[in-house]
Amino acid sequence: MHAAGVTRDGRLWKLSGDDWRHVMAANLDSAFYLLRAAVPALRAAGGRRGGAALLDQRRAGQAGPGQLRASKAGLNALARTAARELGGFGIRVNALAPGWIETEMTAALPDVLRQKALAETALGRLGSPEDIAGACCSCARTWRVTSPARCCGWTADS
């Protein structure tokens, strides 16, 4: 399970290279390194036990910091690629996009962004880590998952 996220304030054209790399390292590179480290054990288990789940806080393409959106789009591409490469070994890969989750990072958002986030939610509140725990467990147990929570399970034939 990979669940990481940082952002840096600023427009893409004003963002420093160091800030860009920091966001990519935390949000995308870490998922790659975790996946690479887990694959030998997952292959040894022959897909009988679990798989890899990559957690995405929000859908790529939504309003928000460009570097965060780019890193999340990269997570989706990584999940699709990993599903195709690992599906033949019986290893499941899922990317979850549950929407805005109440975290220290989202708690620090300016009120105008929090209000916009609330307007995007069906329940009129930000999600909690506990809200998405069931979706993560479901993805770990099943081969293919789809739900209104935008949980997308990709397999080798997707």
N, C-alpha and C. Protein backbone atom coordinates (compact mmCIF):
# COMPACT_ATOMS: atom_id res chain seq x y z
N MET A 1 0.85 -1.17 0.00
CA MET A 1 0.00 0.00 0.00
C MET A 1 0.89 1.23 0.00
N HIS A 2 0.65 2.11 -0.92
CA HIS A 2 1.38 3.38 -1.00
C HIS A 2 0.37 4.50 -0.79
N ALA A 3 0.62 5.34 0.17
CA ALA A 3 -0.24 6.49 0.41
C ALA A 3 0.65 7.64 0.87
N ALA A 4 1.04 8.46 -0.09
CA ALA A 4 1.92 9.58 0.23
C ALA A 4 1.46 10.79 -0.55
N GLY A 5 1.70 11.94 -0.02
CA GLY A 5 1.36 13.14 -0.75
C GLY A 5 1.92 14.38 -0.10
N VAL A 6 2.57 15.19 -0.91
CA VAL A 6 3.02 16.52 -0.49
C VAL A 6 2.72 17.45 -1.66
N THR A 7 2.73 18.70 -1.39
CA THR A 7 2.59 19.69 -2.45
C THR A 7 3.40 20.91 -2.07
N ARG A 8 3.61 21.75 -3.03
CA ARG A 8 4.26 23.03 -2.82
C ARG A 8 3.36 24.06 -3.47
N ASP A 9 3.15 25.17 -2.79
CA ASP A 9 2.31 26.22 -3.35
C ASP A 9 3.02 26.88 -4.52
N GLY A 10 2.25 27.28 -5.48
CA GLY A 10 2.81 28.05 -6.58
C GLY A 10 2.35 27.56 -7.93
N ARG A 11 2.31 28.46 -8.86
CA ARG A 11 1.99 28.14 -10.25
C ARG A 11 3.17 27.39 -10.85
N LEU A 12 2.88 26.56 -11.84
CA LEU A 12 3.95 25.78 -12.47
C LEU A 12 5.08 26.65 -12.96
N TRP A 13 4.75 27.76 -13.57
CA TRP A 13 5.79 28.60 -14.15
C TRP A 13 6.60 29.37 -13.11
N LYS A 14 6.12 29.37 -11.85
CA LYS A 14 6.85 30.02 -10.76
C LYS A 14 7.56 29.01 -9.87
N LEU A 15 7.25 27.73 -10.03
CA LEU A 15 7.76 26.68 -9.15
C LEU A 15 9.24 26.43 -9.39
N SER A 16 10.01 26.31 -8.33
CA SER A 16 11.44 26.01 -8.49
C SER A 16 11.62 24.54 -8.87
N GLY A 17 12.72 24.24 -9.48
CA GLY A 17 13.04 22.85 -9.81
C GLY A 17 13.13 21.98 -8.57
N ASP A 18 13.66 22.54 -7.48
CA ASP A 18 13.75 21.77 -6.23
C ASP A 18 12.36 21.43 -5.69
N ASP A 19 11.43 22.38 -5.75
CA ASP A 19 10.07 22.10 -5.28
C ASP A 19 9.39 21.05 -6.16
N TRP A 20 9.58 21.14 -7.47
CA TRP A 20 9.03 20.14 -8.40
C TRP A 20 9.56 18.76 -8.04
N ARG A 21 10.87 18.62 -7.86
CA ARG A 21 11.49 17.33 -7.55
C ARG A 21 11.00 16.80 -6.20
N HIS A 22 10.81 17.69 -5.24
CA HIS A 22 10.35 17.27 -3.92
C HIS A 22 8.97 16.62 -4.02
N VAL A 23 8.07 17.24 -4.76
CA VAL A 23 6.72 16.71 -4.93
C VAL A 23 6.77 15.38 -5.69
N MET A 24 7.52 15.32 -6.78
CA MET A 24 7.61 14.08 -7.56
C MET A 24 8.25 12.95 -6.75
N ALA A 25 9.26 13.29 -5.96
CA ALA A 25 9.93 12.26 -5.14
C ALA A 25 8.97 11.67 -4.11
N ALA A 26 8.23 12.53 -3.43
CA ALA A 26 7.32 12.05 -2.39
C ALA A 26 6.10 11.34 -2.97
N ASN A 27 5.54 11.87 -4.04
CA ASN A 27 4.27 11.36 -4.55
C ASN A 27 4.42 10.23 -5.57
N LEU A 28 5.43 10.29 -6.41
CA LEU A 28 5.54 9.33 -7.50
C LEU A 28 6.76 8.42 -7.36
N ASP A 29 7.92 8.99 -7.14
CA ASP A 29 9.12 8.16 -7.03
C ASP A 29 8.99 7.15 -5.90
N SER A 30 8.42 7.57 -4.78
CA SER A 30 8.29 6.66 -3.63
C SER A 30 7.41 5.45 -3.98
N ALA A 31 6.37 5.67 -4.80
CA ALA A 31 5.50 4.56 -5.22
C ALA A 31 6.29 3.58 -6.08
N PHE A 32 7.13 4.10 -6.99
CA PHE A 32 7.95 3.24 -7.83
C PHE A 32 8.89 2.40 -6.98
N TYR A 33 9.59 3.03 -6.04
CA TYR A 33 10.55 2.29 -5.21
C TYR A 33 9.86 1.26 -4.33
N LEU A 34 8.70 1.59 -3.79
CA LEU A 34 7.94 0.63 -3.00
C LEU A 34 7.50 -0.55 -3.85
N LEU A 35 6.98 -0.26 -5.03
CA LEU A 35 6.54 -1.32 -5.94
C LEU A 35 7.71 -2.21 -6.32
N ARG A 36 8.82 -1.61 -6.69
CA ARG A 36 10.00 -2.38 -7.08
C ARG A 36 10.49 -3.28 -5.94
N ALA A 37 10.44 -2.78 -4.72
CA ALA A 37 10.89 -3.58 -3.58
C ALA A 37 9.91 -4.70 -3.25
N ALA A 38 8.61 -4.48 -3.50
CA ALA A 38 7.60 -5.48 -3.12
C ALA A 38 7.43 -6.59 -4.15
N VAL A 39 7.75 -6.34 -5.41
CA VAL A 39 7.48 -7.31 -6.47
C VAL A 39 8.14 -8.67 -6.23
N PRO A 40 9.39 -8.77 -5.81
CA PRO A 40 9.95 -10.11 -5.60
C PRO A 40 9.14 -10.96 -4.62
N ALA A 41 8.70 -10.38 -3.51
CA ALA A 41 7.90 -11.14 -2.54
C ALA A 41 6.53 -11.47 -3.11
N LEU A 42 5.93 -10.54 -3.85
CA LEU A 42 4.63 -10.79 -4.45
C LEU A 42 4.72 -11.89 -5.52
N ARG A 43 5.79 -11.87 -6.31
CA ARG A 43 5.97 -12.92 -7.31
C ARG A 43 6.21 -14.27 -6.64
N ALA A 44 7.00 -14.27 -5.57
CA ALA A 44 7.28 -15.52 -4.86
C ALA A 44 5.99 -16.13 -4.30
N ALA A 45 5.05 -15.26 -3.91
CA ALA A 45 3.76 -15.75 -3.39
C ALA A 45 2.84 -16.19 -4.52
N GLY A 46 3.25 -15.95 -5.77
CA GLY A 46 2.46 -16.38 -6.91
C GLY A 46 1.12 -15.69 -7.02
N GLY A 47 1.01 -14.48 -6.49
CA GLY A 47 -0.26 -13.76 -6.57
C GLY A 47 -1.32 -14.29 -5.62
N ARG A 48 -0.95 -15.28 -4.79
CA ARG A 48 -1.94 -15.86 -3.87
C ARG A 48 -2.24 -14.93 -2.70
N ARG A 49 -1.32 -14.01 -2.43
CA ARG A 49 -1.51 -13.14 -1.28
C ARG A 49 -1.39 -11.69 -1.70
N GLY A 50 -2.52 -11.05 -1.81
CA GLY A 50 -2.53 -9.61 -1.99
C GLY A 50 -2.00 -9.13 -3.32
N GLY A 51 -1.66 -7.89 -3.35
CA GLY A 51 -1.18 -7.23 -4.54
C GLY A 51 -0.64 -5.88 -4.15
N ALA A 52 -0.52 -5.02 -5.11
CA ALA A 52 -0.01 -3.68 -4.84
C ALA A 52 -1.14 -2.69 -5.01
N ALA A 53 -1.34 -1.82 -4.05
CA ALA A 53 -2.37 -0.79 -4.16
C ALA A 53 -1.68 0.57 -4.12
N LEU A 54 -1.95 1.38 -5.11
CA LEU A 54 -1.40 2.73 -5.16
C LEU A 54 -2.54 3.69 -4.87
N LEU A 55 -2.39 4.51 -3.89
CA LEU A 55 -3.46 5.39 -3.44
C LEU A 55 -3.25 6.80 -3.97
N ASP A 56 -4.26 7.33 -4.63
CA ASP A 56 -4.22 8.66 -5.20
C ASP A 56 -5.25 9.51 -4.48
N GLN A 57 -4.85 10.65 -3.92
CA GLN A 57 -5.78 11.46 -3.14
C GLN A 57 -6.88 12.09 -3.97
N ARG A 58 -6.58 12.59 -5.15
CA ARG A 58 -7.57 13.25 -6.00
C ARG A 58 -7.29 12.87 -7.44
N ARG A 59 -8.30 13.00 -8.26
CA ARG A 59 -8.13 12.70 -9.68
C ARG A 59 -7.21 13.71 -10.34
N ALA A 60 -6.34 13.22 -11.19
CA ALA A 60 -5.52 14.12 -12.00
C ALA A 60 -6.44 14.94 -12.88
N GLY A 61 -6.08 16.18 -13.10
CA GLY A 61 -6.90 17.03 -13.96
C GLY A 61 -7.84 17.94 -13.19
N GLN A 62 -8.05 17.68 -11.89
CA GLN A 62 -8.88 18.59 -11.11
C GLN A 62 -8.08 19.85 -10.82
N ALA A 63 -8.78 20.88 -10.40
CA ALA A 63 -8.10 22.11 -10.03
C ALA A 63 -7.16 21.84 -8.86
N GLY A 64 -6.08 22.54 -8.83
CA GLY A 64 -5.13 22.38 -7.74
C GLY A 64 -3.72 22.57 -8.26
N PRO A 65 -2.75 22.47 -7.37
CA PRO A 65 -1.36 22.67 -7.78
C PRO A 65 -0.98 21.73 -8.92
N GLY A 66 -0.41 22.30 -9.98
CA GLY A 66 -0.07 21.52 -11.16
C GLY A 66 0.90 20.40 -10.89
N GLN A 67 1.87 20.63 -10.02
CA GLN A 67 2.85 19.58 -9.74
C GLN A 67 2.19 18.41 -9.00
N LEU A 68 1.23 18.69 -8.17
CA LEU A 68 0.50 17.62 -7.48
C LEU A 68 -0.34 16.84 -8.49
N ARG A 69 -1.04 17.54 -9.37
CA ARG A 69 -1.85 16.86 -10.39
C ARG A 69 -0.98 16.01 -11.31
N ALA A 70 0.18 16.52 -11.69
CA ALA A 70 1.08 15.77 -12.57
C ALA A 70 1.58 14.50 -11.88
N SER A 71 1.89 14.61 -10.59
CA SER A 71 2.38 13.43 -9.88
C SER A 71 1.27 12.39 -9.72
N LYS A 72 0.04 12.84 -9.52
CA LYS A 72 -1.08 11.91 -9.38
C LYS A 72 -1.40 11.23 -10.71
N ALA A 73 -1.30 11.97 -11.82
CA ALA A 73 -1.47 11.36 -13.14
C ALA A 73 -0.39 10.31 -13.37
N GLY A 74 0.81 10.59 -12.91
CA GLY A 74 1.89 9.62 -13.00
C GLY A 74 1.60 8.36 -12.20
N LEU A 75 0.97 8.50 -11.03
CA LEU A 75 0.58 7.33 -10.25
C LEU A 75 -0.40 6.46 -11.01
N ASN A 76 -1.35 7.08 -11.68
CA ASN A 76 -2.32 6.31 -12.46
C ASN A 76 -1.62 5.56 -13.59
N ALA A 77 -0.69 6.22 -14.28
CA ALA A 77 0.06 5.56 -15.35
C ALA A 77 0.92 4.42 -14.80
N LEU A 78 1.53 4.66 -13.64
CA LEU A 78 2.33 3.61 -13.00
C LEU A 78 1.47 2.40 -12.64
N ALA A 79 0.28 2.65 -12.12
CA ALA A 79 -0.61 1.54 -11.76
C ALA A 79 -1.02 0.74 -12.99
N ARG A 80 -1.37 1.42 -14.06
CA ARG A 80 -1.77 0.72 -15.29
C ARG A 80 -0.61 -0.11 -15.85
N THR A 81 0.57 0.48 -15.87
CA THR A 81 1.73 -0.24 -16.39
C THR A 81 2.06 -1.44 -15.51
N ALA A 82 2.04 -1.24 -14.19
CA ALA A 82 2.34 -2.33 -13.27
C ALA A 82 1.31 -3.44 -13.39
N ALA A 83 0.04 -3.08 -13.59
CA ALA A 83 -1.01 -4.09 -13.73
C ALA A 83 -0.73 -4.96 -14.95
N ARG A 84 -0.35 -4.34 -16.05
CA ARG A 84 -0.06 -5.10 -17.27
C ARG A 84 1.17 -5.98 -17.08
N GLU A 85 2.19 -5.45 -16.45
CA GLU A 85 3.42 -6.22 -16.27
C GLU A 85 3.28 -7.33 -15.24
N LEU A 86 2.50 -7.09 -14.21
CA LEU A 86 2.43 -8.04 -13.09
C LEU A 86 1.22 -8.95 -13.13
N GLY A 87 0.22 -8.62 -13.94
CA GLY A 87 -1.00 -9.42 -14.00
C GLY A 87 -0.73 -10.87 -14.36
N GLY A 88 0.24 -11.11 -15.21
CA GLY A 88 0.58 -12.48 -15.59
C GLY A 88 1.10 -13.31 -14.43
N PHE A 89 1.53 -12.67 -13.38
CA PHE A 89 1.99 -13.36 -12.17
C PHE A 89 0.89 -13.46 -11.13
N GLY A 90 -0.33 -13.02 -11.48
CA GLY A 90 -1.44 -13.05 -10.54
C GLY A 90 -1.41 -11.94 -9.52
N ILE A 91 -0.64 -10.89 -9.79
CA ILE A 91 -0.53 -9.77 -8.85
C ILE A 91 -1.48 -8.67 -9.28
N ARG A 92 -2.35 -8.25 -8.37
CA ARG A 92 -3.33 -7.20 -8.62
C ARG A 92 -2.72 -5.84 -8.31
N VAL A 93 -3.08 -4.86 -9.11
CA VAL A 93 -2.64 -3.49 -8.89
C VAL A 93 -3.88 -2.61 -8.97
N ASN A 94 -4.09 -1.78 -7.99
CA ASN A 94 -5.25 -0.88 -7.94
C ASN A 94 -4.79 0.54 -7.66
N ALA A 95 -5.46 1.48 -8.27
CA ALA A 95 -5.25 2.90 -7.96
C ALA A 95 -6.57 3.43 -7.44
N LEU A 96 -6.56 3.94 -6.24
CA LEU A 96 -7.77 4.48 -5.61
C LEU A 96 -7.72 6.00 -5.67
N ALA A 97 -8.83 6.61 -6.05
CA ALA A 97 -8.92 8.07 -6.09
C ALA A 97 -10.14 8.49 -5.27
N PRO A 98 -10.03 8.48 -3.95
CA PRO A 98 -11.19 8.73 -3.10
C PRO A 98 -11.62 10.19 -3.00
N GLY A 99 -10.87 11.10 -3.52
CA GLY A 99 -11.23 12.51 -3.39
C GLY A 99 -10.48 13.15 -2.24
N TRP A 100 -10.98 14.28 -1.79
CA TRP A 100 -10.33 15.03 -0.72
C TRP A 100 -10.43 14.27 0.60
N ILE A 101 -9.29 14.09 1.27
CA ILE A 101 -9.22 13.39 2.55
C ILE A 101 -8.70 14.37 3.60
N GLU A 102 -9.30 14.33 4.76
CA GLU A 102 -8.87 15.20 5.86
C GLU A 102 -7.52 14.73 6.38
N THR A 103 -6.49 15.50 6.09
CA THR A 103 -5.13 15.22 6.54
C THR A 103 -4.51 16.52 7.04
N GLU A 104 -3.31 16.45 7.57
CA GLU A 104 -2.62 17.68 7.96
C GLU A 104 -2.43 18.60 6.76
N MET A 105 -2.14 18.00 5.59
CA MET A 105 -1.92 18.80 4.40
C MET A 105 -3.20 19.52 3.98
N THR A 106 -4.33 18.82 3.95
CA THR A 106 -5.57 19.48 3.53
C THR A 106 -6.11 20.41 4.61
N ALA A 107 -5.79 20.15 5.87
CA ALA A 107 -6.23 21.03 6.95
C ALA A 107 -5.58 22.41 6.84
N ALA A 108 -4.39 22.44 6.22
CA ALA A 108 -3.66 23.71 6.10
C ALA A 108 -4.07 24.51 4.87
N LEU A 109 -5.00 24.00 4.07
CA LEU A 109 -5.42 24.71 2.87
C LEU A 109 -6.16 25.99 3.24
N PRO A 110 -6.03 27.01 2.39
CA PRO A 110 -6.83 28.23 2.61
C PRO A 110 -8.31 27.88 2.56
N ASP A 111 -9.11 28.66 3.29
CA ASP A 111 -10.54 28.38 3.40
C ASP A 111 -11.24 28.32 2.04
N VAL A 112 -10.83 29.17 1.09
CA VAL A 112 -11.48 29.17 -0.22
C VAL A 112 -11.26 27.82 -0.93
N LEU A 113 -10.09 27.21 -0.77
CA LEU A 113 -9.84 25.90 -1.37
C LEU A 113 -10.60 24.80 -0.64
N ARG A 114 -10.68 24.90 0.67
CA ARG A 114 -11.46 23.92 1.43
C ARG A 114 -12.93 23.96 1.01
N GLN A 115 -13.46 25.16 0.81
CA GLN A 115 -14.85 25.29 0.38
C GLN A 115 -15.05 24.69 -1.00
N LYS A 116 -14.08 24.90 -1.88
CA LYS A 116 -14.16 24.30 -3.22
C LYS A 116 -14.10 22.78 -3.11
N ALA A 117 -13.24 22.28 -2.24
CA ALA A 117 -13.14 20.84 -2.03
C ALA A 117 -14.46 20.27 -1.51
N LEU A 118 -15.04 20.95 -0.56
CA LEU A 118 -16.33 20.50 -0.01
C LEU A 118 -17.42 20.50 -1.08
N ALA A 119 -17.38 21.48 -1.97
CA ALA A 119 -18.38 21.54 -3.04
C ALA A 119 -18.23 20.37 -4.02
N GLU A 120 -17.04 19.80 -4.13
CA GLU A 120 -16.80 18.68 -5.04
C GLU A 120 -17.25 17.33 -4.45
N THR A 121 -17.55 17.30 -3.16
CA THR A 121 -17.87 16.02 -2.52
C THR A 121 -19.36 15.75 -2.52
N ALA A 122 -19.69 14.49 -2.61
CA ALA A 122 -21.10 14.09 -2.59
C ALA A 122 -21.70 14.21 -1.20
N LEU A 123 -20.89 13.99 -0.17
CA LEU A 123 -21.39 14.00 1.20
C LEU A 123 -21.30 15.36 1.88
N GLY A 124 -20.70 16.33 1.20
CA GLY A 124 -20.58 17.66 1.80
C GLY A 124 -19.55 17.73 2.90
N ARG A 125 -18.63 16.80 2.93
CA ARG A 125 -17.53 16.82 3.91
C ARG A 125 -16.32 16.14 3.29
N LEU A 126 -15.16 16.44 3.83
CA LEU A 126 -13.97 15.75 3.38
C LEU A 126 -13.99 14.33 3.93
N GLY A 127 -13.40 13.42 3.22
CA GLY A 127 -13.31 12.05 3.69
C GLY A 127 -12.30 11.93 4.81
N SER A 128 -12.33 10.80 5.47
CA SER A 128 -11.34 10.51 6.52
C SER A 128 -10.55 9.29 6.08
N PRO A 129 -9.38 9.08 6.66
CA PRO A 129 -8.63 7.86 6.35
C PRO A 129 -9.46 6.60 6.60
N GLU A 130 -10.30 6.64 7.61
CA GLU A 130 -11.15 5.48 7.91
C GLU A 130 -12.18 5.24 6.81
N ASP A 131 -12.63 6.32 6.16
CA ASP A 131 -13.60 6.18 5.07
C ASP A 131 -13.05 5.35 3.92
N ILE A 132 -11.77 5.48 3.65
CA ILE A 132 -11.21 4.76 2.50
C ILE A 132 -10.58 3.42 2.87
N ALA A 133 -10.50 3.13 4.15
CA ALA A 133 -9.90 1.85 4.56
C ALA A 133 -10.67 0.66 3.98
N GLY A 134 -11.98 0.73 3.95
CA GLY A 134 -12.79 -0.36 3.40
C GLY A 134 -12.53 -0.56 1.92
N ALA A 135 -12.39 0.54 1.17
CA ALA A 135 -12.10 0.43 -0.26
C ALA A 135 -10.74 -0.21 -0.49
N CYS A 136 -9.77 0.15 0.34
CA CYS A 136 -8.43 -0.46 0.21
C CYS A 136 -8.49 -1.95 0.50
N CYS A 137 -9.19 -2.32 1.54
CA CYS A 137 -9.32 -3.75 1.87
C CYS A 137 -10.06 -4.50 0.76
N SER A 138 -11.08 -3.88 0.20
CA SER A 138 -11.83 -4.51 -0.88
C SER A 138 -10.94 -4.73 -2.09
N CYS A 139 -10.15 -3.74 -2.44
CA CYS A 139 -9.25 -3.89 -3.58
C CYS A 139 -8.20 -4.97 -3.31
N ALA A 140 -7.77 -5.11 -2.09
CA ALA A 140 -6.79 -6.14 -1.76
C ALA A 140 -7.39 -7.54 -1.86
N ARG A 141 -8.71 -7.67 -1.67
CA ARG A 141 -9.36 -8.98 -1.70
C ARG A 141 -9.90 -9.39 -3.06
N THR A 142 -10.27 -8.41 -3.90
CA THR A 142 -10.95 -8.74 -5.14
C THR A 142 -10.07 -8.48 -6.35
N TRP A 143 -10.46 -9.08 -7.45
CA TRP A 143 -9.67 -8.93 -8.68
C TRP A 143 -9.97 -7.63 -9.39
N ARG A 144 -11.22 -7.22 -9.43
CA ARG A 144 -11.60 -6.00 -10.13
C ARG A 144 -12.66 -5.27 -9.30
N VAL A 145 -12.44 -4.00 -9.07
CA VAL A 145 -13.34 -3.22 -8.24
C VAL A 145 -13.74 -1.96 -8.99
N THR A 146 -15.02 -1.63 -8.96
CA THR A 146 -15.47 -0.31 -9.42
C THR A 146 -16.55 0.14 -8.46
N SER A 147 -16.55 1.40 -8.14
CA SER A 147 -17.55 1.91 -7.21
C SER A 147 -17.71 3.40 -7.39
N PRO A 148 -18.78 3.99 -6.80
CA PRO A 148 -18.93 5.44 -6.86
C PRO A 148 -17.78 6.18 -6.19
N ALA A 149 -17.00 5.49 -5.36
CA ALA A 149 -15.86 6.14 -4.71
C ALA A 149 -14.68 6.25 -5.67
N ARG A 150 -14.90 5.95 -6.96
CA ARG A 150 -13.87 6.04 -7.98
C ARG A 150 -12.71 5.11 -7.67
N CYS A 151 -13.02 3.91 -7.25
CA CYS A 151 -11.99 2.89 -7.02
C CYS A 151 -11.87 2.09 -8.31
N CYS A 152 -10.74 2.17 -8.93
CA CYS A 152 -10.58 1.51 -10.23
C CYS A 152 -9.56 0.39 -10.11
N GLY A 153 -9.96 -0.84 -10.35
CA GLY A 153 -9.03 -1.96 -10.33
C GLY A 153 -8.63 -2.30 -11.75
N TRP A 154 -7.34 -2.25 -12.03
CA TRP A 154 -6.87 -2.58 -13.35
C TRP A 154 -6.19 -3.94 -13.30
N THR A 155 -6.47 -4.74 -14.29
CA THR A 155 -5.85 -6.06 -14.41
C THR A 155 -5.07 -6.08 -15.71
N ALA A 156 -4.40 -7.18 -15.95
CA ALA A 156 -3.54 -7.28 -17.13
C ALA A 156 -4.32 -7.09 -18.42
N ASP A 157 -5.62 -7.36 -18.42
CA ASP A 157 -6.40 -7.22 -19.65
C ASP A 157 -7.09 -5.87 -19.77
N SER A 158 -6.83 -4.93 -18.87
CA SER A 158 -7.47 -3.60 -18.91
C SER A 158 -6.83 -2.74 -19.98
